[in-house]
């Protein structure tokens, strides 16, 4: 075999090896990029304090008011069936923990908890009170669920029911 043919064969093998390495490395690189994108996950639930017409209250990450139900017991929700249609619970997604919940300054992580629902799902609680939305609240600052049936109240920043009345226009 002449030098030129030997050089050409070696060159083809080198190119083939590099190509195989690059192609084999693509899934690894893709997996590393995917891991980098998911290694700093967004919080599964965000709770923060916001100023509203009722004073400072707990809201979610979008600014929607968070409510509690007076008949609930410590880390136990009694809102079932049709109640949940009007009052959707704030749930802890499967596979997540309370450390995945983001809270703002002024709130205490030690007050976060979970109410186990009959179906095995987990509802977020604060200060032992299960958290809900009101289906008629659609934007930040809405507090239309306040005093519904004299059982539903927005939550104060300290985790207690805010019993203020909605100001008259």
N, C-alpha and C. Protein backbone atom coordinates (compact mmCIF):
# COMPACT_ATOMS: atom_id res chain seq x y z
N UNK A 1 0.84 -1.15 0.00
CA UNK A 1 0.00 0.00 0.00
C UNK A 1 0.90 1.23 0.00
N UNK A 2 0.57 2.19 -0.84
CA UNK A 2 1.42 3.37 -0.90
C UNK A 2 1.07 4.32 0.25
N UNK A 3 1.95 5.31 0.45
CA UNK A 3 1.77 6.26 1.55
C UNK A 3 0.47 7.04 1.43
N UNK A 4 0.11 7.40 0.23
CA UNK A 4 -1.10 8.19 0.01
C UNK A 4 -2.34 7.39 0.39
N UNK A 5 -2.41 6.13 0.00
CA UNK A 5 -3.56 5.29 0.33
C UNK A 5 -3.63 5.05 1.83
N UNK A 6 -2.48 4.81 2.47
CA UNK A 6 -2.42 4.60 3.91
C UNK A 6 -2.88 5.84 4.66
N UNK A 7 -2.42 6.99 4.20
CA UNK A 7 -2.80 8.25 4.81
C UNK A 7 -4.30 8.47 4.65
N UNK A 8 -4.85 8.16 3.49
CA UNK A 8 -6.27 8.33 3.21
C UNK A 8 -7.11 7.40 4.08
N UNK A 9 -6.68 6.15 4.25
CA UNK A 9 -7.41 5.19 5.08
C UNK A 9 -7.39 5.63 6.54
N UNK A 10 -6.25 6.06 7.03
CA UNK A 10 -6.13 6.52 8.42
C UNK A 10 -7.01 7.75 8.64
N UNK A 11 -7.02 8.62 7.65
CA UNK A 11 -7.82 9.83 7.75
C UNK A 11 -9.31 9.49 7.82
N UNK A 12 -9.78 8.54 6.99
CA UNK A 12 -11.19 8.12 7.00
C UNK A 12 -11.56 7.50 8.35
N UNK A 13 -10.64 6.67 8.89
CA UNK A 13 -10.90 6.06 10.20
C UNK A 13 -10.99 7.12 11.30
N UNK A 14 -10.12 8.11 11.23
CA UNK A 14 -10.13 9.19 12.22
C UNK A 14 -11.45 9.96 12.12
N UNK A 15 -11.85 10.29 10.91
CA UNK A 15 -13.12 11.02 10.72
C UNK A 15 -14.29 10.18 11.21
N UNK A 16 -14.28 8.89 10.90
CA UNK A 16 -15.36 8.00 11.34
C UNK A 16 -15.39 7.92 12.86
N UNK A 17 -14.23 7.85 13.50
CA UNK A 17 -14.16 7.79 14.97
C UNK A 17 -14.69 9.07 15.59
N UNK A 18 -14.28 10.21 15.04
CA UNK A 18 -14.74 11.50 15.56
C UNK A 18 -16.25 11.61 15.38
N UNK A 19 -16.74 11.21 14.19
CA UNK A 19 -18.18 11.27 13.92
C UNK A 19 -18.95 10.38 14.90
N UNK A 20 -18.45 9.18 15.14
CA UNK A 20 -19.11 8.26 16.08
C UNK A 20 -19.12 8.86 17.48
N UNK A 21 -18.03 9.47 17.89
CA UNK A 21 -17.94 10.09 19.20
C UNK A 21 -18.95 11.24 19.32
N UNK A 22 -18.99 12.08 18.30
CA UNK A 22 -19.90 13.22 18.32
C UNK A 22 -21.35 12.74 18.34
N UNK A 23 -21.68 11.77 17.49
CA UNK A 23 -23.05 11.27 17.44
C UNK A 23 -23.41 10.60 18.77
N UNK A 24 -22.50 9.81 19.32
CA UNK A 24 -22.76 9.14 20.60
C UNK A 24 -22.89 10.15 21.72
N UNK A 25 -22.18 11.27 21.62
CA UNK A 25 -22.22 12.28 22.66
C UNK A 25 -23.46 13.15 22.63
N UNK A 26 -24.19 13.14 21.52
CA UNK A 26 -25.37 14.00 21.41
C UNK A 26 -26.42 13.67 22.46
N UNK A 27 -26.79 12.40 22.64
CA UNK A 27 -27.78 12.12 23.68
C UNK A 27 -27.28 12.52 25.06
N UNK A 28 -26.02 12.30 25.33
CA UNK A 28 -25.44 12.67 26.60
C UNK A 28 -25.53 14.18 26.78
N UNK A 29 -25.16 14.92 25.75
CA UNK A 29 -25.23 16.37 25.82
C UNK A 29 -26.67 16.82 26.00
N UNK A 30 -27.60 16.21 25.27
CA UNK A 30 -29.02 16.56 25.40
C UNK A 30 -29.50 16.29 26.81
N UNK A 31 -29.09 15.16 27.38
CA UNK A 31 -29.48 14.84 28.75
C UNK A 31 -28.90 15.85 29.73
N UNK A 32 -27.66 16.28 29.50
CA UNK A 32 -27.05 17.26 30.39
C UNK A 32 -27.77 18.59 30.29
N UNK A 33 -28.14 19.01 29.08
CA UNK A 33 -28.87 20.26 28.90
C UNK A 33 -30.23 20.16 29.57
N UNK A 34 -30.93 19.03 29.38
CA UNK A 34 -32.24 18.85 30.01
C UNK A 34 -32.11 18.90 31.52
N UNK A 35 -31.06 18.26 32.07
CA UNK A 35 -30.85 18.29 33.51
C UNK A 35 -30.58 19.71 33.98
N UNK A 36 -29.77 20.45 33.24
CA UNK A 36 -29.47 21.83 33.61
C UNK A 36 -30.74 22.68 33.61
N UNK A 37 -31.64 22.39 32.68
CA UNK A 37 -32.87 23.17 32.60
C UNK A 37 -33.83 22.82 33.73
N UNK A 38 -33.77 21.59 34.25
CA UNK A 38 -34.69 21.18 35.30
C UNK A 38 -34.04 21.14 36.68
N UNK A 39 -32.75 21.37 36.78
CA UNK A 39 -32.10 21.25 38.09
C UNK A 39 -32.46 22.42 39.00
N UNK A 40 -32.97 23.50 38.46
CA UNK A 40 -33.41 24.63 39.27
C UNK A 40 -34.90 24.82 39.02
N UNK A 41 -35.74 23.91 39.56
CA UNK A 41 -37.15 23.94 39.22
C UNK A 41 -37.86 25.16 39.80
N UNK A 42 -38.94 25.53 39.14
CA UNK A 42 -39.80 26.60 39.64
C UNK A 42 -40.56 26.05 40.83
N UNK A 43 -40.94 26.91 41.76
CA UNK A 43 -41.73 26.42 42.89
C UNK A 43 -43.05 25.85 42.40
N UNK A 44 -43.54 24.82 43.07
CA UNK A 44 -44.80 24.19 42.69
C UNK A 44 -45.99 25.00 43.16
N UNK A 45 -45.81 25.73 44.25
CA UNK A 45 -46.81 26.63 44.81
C UNK A 45 -46.06 27.85 45.32
N UNK A 46 -46.60 29.02 45.07
CA UNK A 46 -46.02 30.25 45.60
C UNK A 46 -47.06 30.95 46.46
N UNK A 47 -46.68 31.29 47.67
CA UNK A 47 -47.53 32.05 48.57
C UNK A 47 -46.79 33.31 48.97
N UNK A 48 -47.49 34.43 48.90
CA UNK A 48 -46.86 35.70 49.27
C UNK A 48 -47.90 36.62 49.88
N UNK A 49 -47.45 37.75 50.37
CA UNK A 49 -48.31 38.74 51.00
C UNK A 49 -48.57 39.86 49.99
N UNK A 50 -49.81 40.30 49.91
CA UNK A 50 -50.16 41.41 49.02
C UNK A 50 -51.12 42.35 49.72
N UNK A 51 -51.06 43.60 49.34
CA UNK A 51 -51.99 44.61 49.85
C UNK A 51 -53.27 44.55 49.03
N UNK A 52 -54.42 44.49 49.72
CA UNK A 52 -55.72 44.47 49.06
C UNK A 52 -56.64 45.43 49.80
N UNK A 53 -57.88 45.52 49.34
CA UNK A 53 -58.88 46.36 50.02
C UNK A 53 -59.17 45.86 51.43
N UNK A 54 -58.78 44.63 51.74
CA UNK A 54 -58.98 44.07 53.08
C UNK A 54 -57.73 44.16 53.94
N UNK A 55 -56.68 44.74 53.42
CA UNK A 55 -55.40 44.80 54.12
C UNK A 55 -54.42 43.81 53.52
N UNK A 56 -53.35 43.51 54.24
CA UNK A 56 -52.35 42.56 53.77
C UNK A 56 -52.89 41.14 53.95
N UNK A 57 -52.91 40.39 52.84
CA UNK A 57 -53.42 39.02 52.88
C UNK A 57 -52.48 38.10 52.11
N UNK A 58 -52.70 36.79 52.26
CA UNK A 58 -51.94 35.79 51.52
C UNK A 58 -52.56 35.64 50.13
N UNK A 59 -51.68 35.63 49.13
CA UNK A 59 -52.10 35.41 47.73
C UNK A 59 -51.16 34.38 47.13
N UNK A 60 -51.51 33.91 45.94
CA UNK A 60 -50.63 32.96 45.25
C UNK A 60 -49.63 33.72 44.39
N UNK A 61 -48.85 33.00 43.61
CA UNK A 61 -47.83 33.61 42.77
C UNK A 61 -48.36 34.54 41.70
N UNK A 62 -49.63 34.39 41.34
CA UNK A 62 -50.25 35.27 40.34
C UNK A 62 -51.01 36.42 40.99
N UNK A 63 -51.01 36.43 42.33
CA UNK A 63 -51.70 37.50 43.05
C UNK A 63 -53.14 37.21 43.39
N UNK A 64 -53.61 35.97 43.12
CA UNK A 64 -54.99 35.61 43.45
C UNK A 64 -55.13 35.35 44.95
N UNK A 65 -56.22 35.83 45.51
CA UNK A 65 -56.47 35.70 46.95
C UNK A 65 -56.58 34.24 47.37
N UNK A 66 -56.08 33.98 48.56
CA UNK A 66 -56.11 32.64 49.16
C UNK A 66 -57.10 32.68 50.32
N UNK A 67 -57.97 31.67 50.38
CA UNK A 67 -59.03 31.61 51.38
C UNK A 67 -58.88 30.40 52.30
N UNK A 68 -59.55 30.51 53.45
CA UNK A 68 -59.67 29.38 54.38
C UNK A 68 -61.14 29.20 54.70
N UNK A 69 -61.48 27.98 55.12
CA UNK A 69 -62.87 27.58 55.40
C UNK A 69 -63.00 27.33 56.89
N UNK A 70 -63.87 28.09 57.54
CA UNK A 70 -64.00 28.03 58.99
C UNK A 70 -64.26 26.62 59.55
N UNK A 71 -65.08 25.76 58.91
CA UNK A 71 -65.31 24.42 59.47
C UNK A 71 -64.12 23.46 59.39
N UNK A 72 -63.10 23.77 58.56
CA UNK A 72 -61.94 22.89 58.49
C UNK A 72 -61.29 22.76 59.87
N UNK A 73 -60.66 21.62 60.09
CA UNK A 73 -59.91 21.39 61.33
C UNK A 73 -58.42 21.44 61.01
N UNK A 74 -57.58 21.40 62.00
CA UNK A 74 -56.14 21.50 61.83
C UNK A 74 -55.64 20.45 60.83
N UNK A 75 -55.12 20.94 59.69
CA UNK A 75 -54.61 20.10 58.60
C UNK A 75 -55.63 19.08 58.09
N UNK A 76 -56.92 19.40 58.20
CA UNK A 76 -57.99 18.54 57.70
C UNK A 76 -58.99 19.43 56.96
N UNK A 77 -59.23 19.09 55.68
CA UNK A 77 -60.22 19.81 54.88
C UNK A 77 -61.53 19.05 54.89
N UNK A 78 -62.64 19.76 55.15
CA UNK A 78 -63.95 19.13 55.10
C UNK A 78 -64.74 19.58 53.87
N UNK A 79 -64.15 20.41 53.04
CA UNK A 79 -64.78 20.85 51.79
C UNK A 79 -64.65 19.71 50.77
N UNK A 80 -65.79 19.14 50.37
CA UNK A 80 -65.81 18.00 49.43
C UNK A 80 -66.86 18.23 48.36
N UNK A 81 -66.84 17.42 47.32
CA UNK A 81 -67.87 17.43 46.29
C UNK A 81 -68.04 18.79 45.63
N UNK A 82 -69.30 19.29 45.63
CA UNK A 82 -69.63 20.56 44.97
C UNK A 82 -68.90 21.73 45.62
N UNK A 83 -68.57 21.62 46.88
CA UNK A 83 -67.81 22.66 47.56
C UNK A 83 -66.51 22.94 46.82
N UNK A 84 -65.86 21.87 46.33
CA UNK A 84 -64.58 22.02 45.64
C UNK A 84 -64.71 22.65 44.26
N UNK A 85 -65.93 22.67 43.70
CA UNK A 85 -66.13 23.33 42.42
C UNK A 85 -66.03 24.85 42.62
N UNK A 86 -66.67 25.35 43.66
CA UNK A 86 -66.63 26.79 43.95
C UNK A 86 -65.34 27.20 44.65
N UNK A 87 -64.76 26.27 45.38
CA UNK A 87 -63.56 26.57 46.17
C UNK A 87 -62.44 25.59 45.81
N UNK A 88 -61.81 25.78 44.66
CA UNK A 88 -60.72 24.85 44.28
C UNK A 88 -59.58 24.88 45.30
N UNK A 89 -59.15 23.71 45.74
CA UNK A 89 -58.07 23.65 46.73
C UNK A 89 -56.72 23.96 46.09
N UNK A 90 -55.81 24.46 46.88
CA UNK A 90 -54.43 24.69 46.44
C UNK A 90 -53.68 23.41 46.77
N UNK A 91 -53.28 22.69 45.72
CA UNK A 91 -52.74 21.35 45.88
C UNK A 91 -51.22 21.32 45.77
N UNK A 92 -50.64 20.37 46.47
CA UNK A 92 -49.22 20.07 46.37
C UNK A 92 -49.09 18.96 45.33
N UNK A 93 -48.49 19.25 44.18
CA UNK A 93 -48.41 18.22 43.12
C UNK A 93 -47.70 16.96 43.58
N UNK A 94 -48.10 15.85 42.99
CA UNK A 94 -47.51 14.55 43.29
C UNK A 94 -46.00 14.62 43.08
N UNK A 95 -45.25 14.05 43.99
CA UNK A 95 -43.80 14.03 43.88
C UNK A 95 -43.12 15.26 44.44
N UNK A 96 -43.88 16.24 44.86
CA UNK A 96 -43.27 17.45 45.42
C UNK A 96 -43.42 17.44 46.94
N UNK A 97 -42.63 18.28 47.58
CA UNK A 97 -42.66 18.39 49.03
C UNK A 97 -42.87 19.85 49.42
N UNK A 98 -43.04 20.08 50.68
CA UNK A 98 -43.23 21.45 51.17
C UNK A 98 -42.02 22.33 50.90
N UNK A 99 -40.85 21.73 50.73
CA UNK A 99 -39.67 22.54 50.40
C UNK A 99 -39.77 23.11 48.99
N UNK A 100 -40.68 22.57 48.16
CA UNK A 100 -40.91 23.09 46.81
C UNK A 100 -41.88 24.26 46.81
N UNK A 101 -42.43 24.61 47.96
CA UNK A 101 -43.36 25.74 48.08
C UNK A 101 -42.53 26.99 48.38
N UNK A 102 -42.77 28.03 47.59
CA UNK A 102 -42.09 29.31 47.79
C UNK A 102 -42.97 30.21 48.65
N UNK A 103 -42.38 30.80 49.68
CA UNK A 103 -43.12 31.75 50.52
C UNK A 103 -42.34 33.05 50.60
N UNK A 104 -43.06 34.13 50.82
CA UNK A 104 -42.42 35.44 50.86
C UNK A 104 -41.98 35.79 52.27
N UNK A 105 -41.19 36.85 52.35
CA UNK A 105 -40.78 37.38 53.65
C UNK A 105 -42.04 37.69 54.45
N UNK A 106 -41.96 37.47 55.74
CA UNK A 106 -43.10 37.71 56.60
C UNK A 106 -43.92 36.45 56.86
N UNK A 107 -43.68 35.43 56.04
CA UNK A 107 -44.36 34.14 56.25
C UNK A 107 -43.36 33.16 56.85
N UNK A 108 -43.87 32.20 57.62
CA UNK A 108 -42.97 31.24 58.27
C UNK A 108 -43.13 29.86 57.66
N UNK A 109 -42.02 29.30 57.21
CA UNK A 109 -42.03 27.96 56.60
C UNK A 109 -42.57 26.93 57.59
N UNK A 110 -42.34 27.12 58.87
CA UNK A 110 -42.81 26.16 59.88
C UNK A 110 -44.34 26.10 59.94
N UNK A 111 -45.02 27.09 59.38
CA UNK A 111 -46.49 27.08 59.37
C UNK A 111 -47.07 26.33 58.17
N UNK A 112 -46.22 25.97 57.20
CA UNK A 112 -46.70 25.21 56.04
C UNK A 112 -47.02 23.78 56.46
N UNK A 113 -48.06 23.22 55.87
CA UNK A 113 -48.42 21.84 56.15
C UNK A 113 -49.23 21.26 55.02
N UNK A 114 -49.75 20.06 55.26
CA UNK A 114 -50.51 19.34 54.25
C UNK A 114 -51.76 18.73 54.88
N UNK A 115 -52.88 18.87 54.16
CA UNK A 115 -54.11 18.17 54.52
C UNK A 115 -54.28 17.05 53.50
N UNK A 116 -54.31 15.82 53.97
CA UNK A 116 -54.51 14.68 53.07
C UNK A 116 -56.00 14.61 52.71
N UNK A 117 -56.28 14.58 51.41
CA UNK A 117 -57.66 14.50 50.94
C UNK A 117 -58.05 13.02 50.81
N UNK A 118 -59.35 12.75 50.73
CA UNK A 118 -59.85 11.37 50.66
C UNK A 118 -59.25 10.59 49.49
N UNK A 119 -58.96 11.30 48.37
CA UNK A 119 -58.42 10.62 47.19
C UNK A 119 -56.90 10.44 47.25
N UNK A 120 -56.29 10.81 48.37
CA UNK A 120 -54.85 10.66 48.53
C UNK A 120 -54.05 11.86 48.09
N UNK A 121 -54.70 12.86 47.50
CA UNK A 121 -53.99 14.06 47.09
C UNK A 121 -53.71 14.93 48.33
N UNK A 122 -52.81 15.88 48.15
CA UNK A 122 -52.35 16.68 49.29
C UNK A 122 -52.65 18.16 49.06
N UNK A 123 -53.40 18.74 49.98
CA UNK A 123 -53.76 20.15 49.92
C UNK A 123 -52.83 20.94 50.83
N UNK A 124 -52.36 22.08 50.34
CA UNK A 124 -51.45 22.91 51.12
C UNK A 124 -52.22 23.59 52.24
N UNK A 125 -51.61 23.63 53.41
CA UNK A 125 -52.17 24.35 54.56
C UNK A 125 -51.15 25.39 55.03
N UNK A 126 -51.68 26.41 55.69
CA UNK A 126 -50.81 27.39 56.34
C UNK A 126 -51.41 27.64 57.71
N UNK A 127 -50.59 27.49 58.73
CA UNK A 127 -51.03 27.61 60.12
C UNK A 127 -52.15 26.59 60.40
N UNK A 128 -52.08 25.43 59.72
CA UNK A 128 -53.05 24.37 59.93
C UNK A 128 -54.34 24.53 59.15
N UNK A 129 -54.50 25.64 58.41
CA UNK A 129 -55.73 25.90 57.67
C UNK A 129 -55.54 25.56 56.20
N UNK A 130 -56.43 24.71 55.67
CA UNK A 130 -56.36 24.34 54.26
C UNK A 130 -56.60 25.57 53.39
N UNK A 131 -55.90 25.63 52.26
CA UNK A 131 -55.94 26.81 51.39
C UNK A 131 -56.77 26.54 50.14
N UNK A 132 -57.54 27.55 49.74
CA UNK A 132 -58.45 27.46 48.60
C UNK A 132 -58.42 28.75 47.79
N UNK A 133 -58.97 28.65 46.57
CA UNK A 133 -59.30 29.81 45.75
C UNK A 133 -60.82 29.93 45.74
N UNK A 134 -61.33 31.10 45.34
CA UNK A 134 -62.76 31.29 45.10
C UNK A 134 -62.94 31.39 43.60
N UNK A 135 -63.86 30.61 43.03
CA UNK A 135 -63.98 30.51 41.58
C UNK A 135 -64.35 31.83 40.91
N UNK A 136 -64.85 32.81 41.63
CA UNK A 136 -65.23 34.09 41.02
C UNK A 136 -64.11 35.12 41.05
N UNK A 137 -63.04 34.85 41.77
CA UNK A 137 -61.88 35.75 41.73
C UNK A 137 -61.12 35.46 40.45
N UNK A 138 -60.88 36.49 39.65
CA UNK A 138 -60.20 36.25 38.37
C UNK A 138 -58.93 37.06 38.19
N UNK A 139 -58.71 38.05 39.06
CA UNK A 139 -57.51 38.87 38.92
C UNK A 139 -56.97 39.26 40.29
N UNK A 140 -55.72 39.67 40.34
CA UNK A 140 -55.14 40.10 41.62
C UNK A 140 -55.99 41.20 42.25
N UNK A 141 -56.17 41.09 43.55
CA UNK A 141 -56.96 42.08 44.28
C UNK A 141 -58.41 41.69 44.47
N UNK A 142 -58.92 40.74 43.67
CA UNK A 142 -60.30 40.28 43.85
C UNK A 142 -60.43 39.56 45.19
N UNK A 143 -61.45 39.91 45.94
CA UNK A 143 -61.72 39.27 47.24
C UNK A 143 -63.22 38.96 47.35
N UNK A 144 -63.80 38.48 46.24
CA UNK A 144 -65.24 38.24 46.18
C UNK A 144 -65.69 37.09 47.07
N UNK A 145 -64.78 36.26 47.52
CA UNK A 145 -65.14 35.14 48.39
C UNK A 145 -65.20 35.50 49.86
N UNK A 146 -64.80 36.72 50.19
CA UNK A 146 -64.77 37.13 51.60
C UNK A 146 -66.17 37.12 52.20
N UNK A 147 -66.32 36.43 53.32
CA UNK A 147 -67.54 36.33 54.11
C UNK A 147 -68.63 35.50 53.43
N UNK A 148 -68.33 34.73 52.37
CA UNK A 148 -69.35 33.90 51.75
C UNK A 148 -69.90 32.94 52.81
N UNK A 149 -71.21 32.95 52.96
CA UNK A 149 -71.91 32.12 53.96
C UNK A 149 -71.35 32.28 55.37
N UNK A 150 -70.65 33.37 55.59
CA UNK A 150 -70.01 33.65 56.88
C UNK A 150 -69.08 32.52 57.32
N UNK A 151 -68.52 31.80 56.31
CA UNK A 151 -67.62 30.67 56.59
C UNK A 151 -66.28 30.77 55.87
N UNK A 152 -66.20 31.64 54.87
CA UNK A 152 -65.01 31.74 54.04
C UNK A 152 -64.35 33.09 54.22
N UNK A 153 -63.02 33.06 54.44
CA UNK A 153 -62.28 34.29 54.69
C UNK A 153 -60.92 34.25 54.00
N UNK A 154 -60.47 35.42 53.55
CA UNK A 154 -59.10 35.48 53.07
C UNK A 154 -58.20 35.26 54.28
N UNK A 155 -56.96 34.89 54.01
CA UNK A 155 -56.03 34.59 55.08
C UNK A 155 -55.13 35.79 55.35
N UNK A 156 -55.03 36.17 56.62
CA UNK A 156 -54.12 37.23 57.02
C UNK A 156 -52.69 36.74 56.89
N UNK A 157 -51.76 37.67 56.87
CA UNK A 157 -50.36 37.31 56.71
C UNK A 157 -49.84 36.43 57.84
N UNK A 158 -50.48 36.46 59.01
CA UNK A 158 -50.03 35.62 60.12
C UNK A 158 -50.67 34.23 60.09
N UNK A 159 -51.50 33.95 59.06
CA UNK A 159 -52.09 32.63 58.92
C UNK A 159 -53.41 32.48 59.64
N UNK A 160 -54.04 33.57 60.00
CA UNK A 160 -55.35 33.53 60.64
C UNK A 160 -56.39 34.12 59.69
N UNK A 161 -57.69 33.82 59.94
CA UNK A 161 -58.73 34.38 59.09
C UNK A 161 -58.76 35.91 59.20
N UNK A 162 -58.85 36.57 58.06
CA UNK A 162 -59.02 38.02 58.01
C UNK A 162 -60.53 38.24 57.93
N UNK A 163 -61.11 38.80 58.98
CA UNK A 163 -62.57 38.96 59.03
C UNK A 163 -63.02 40.37 58.66
N UNK A 164 -62.12 41.15 58.05
CA UNK A 164 -62.52 42.48 57.60
C UNK A 164 -63.63 42.38 56.56
N UNK A 165 -64.48 43.36 56.56
CA UNK A 165 -65.56 43.43 55.57
C UNK A 165 -65.04 44.14 54.33
N UNK A 166 -65.54 43.74 53.16
CA UNK A 166 -65.15 44.40 51.92
C UNK A 166 -65.69 45.83 51.98
N UNK A 167 -64.82 46.84 51.77
CA UNK A 167 -65.30 48.23 51.83
C UNK A 167 -66.38 48.51 50.80
N UNK A 168 -67.35 49.31 51.20
CA UNK A 168 -68.42 49.72 50.28
C UNK A 168 -67.86 50.79 49.35
N UNK A 169 -68.25 50.73 48.06
CA UNK A 169 -67.74 51.75 47.11
C UNK A 169 -68.30 53.13 47.37
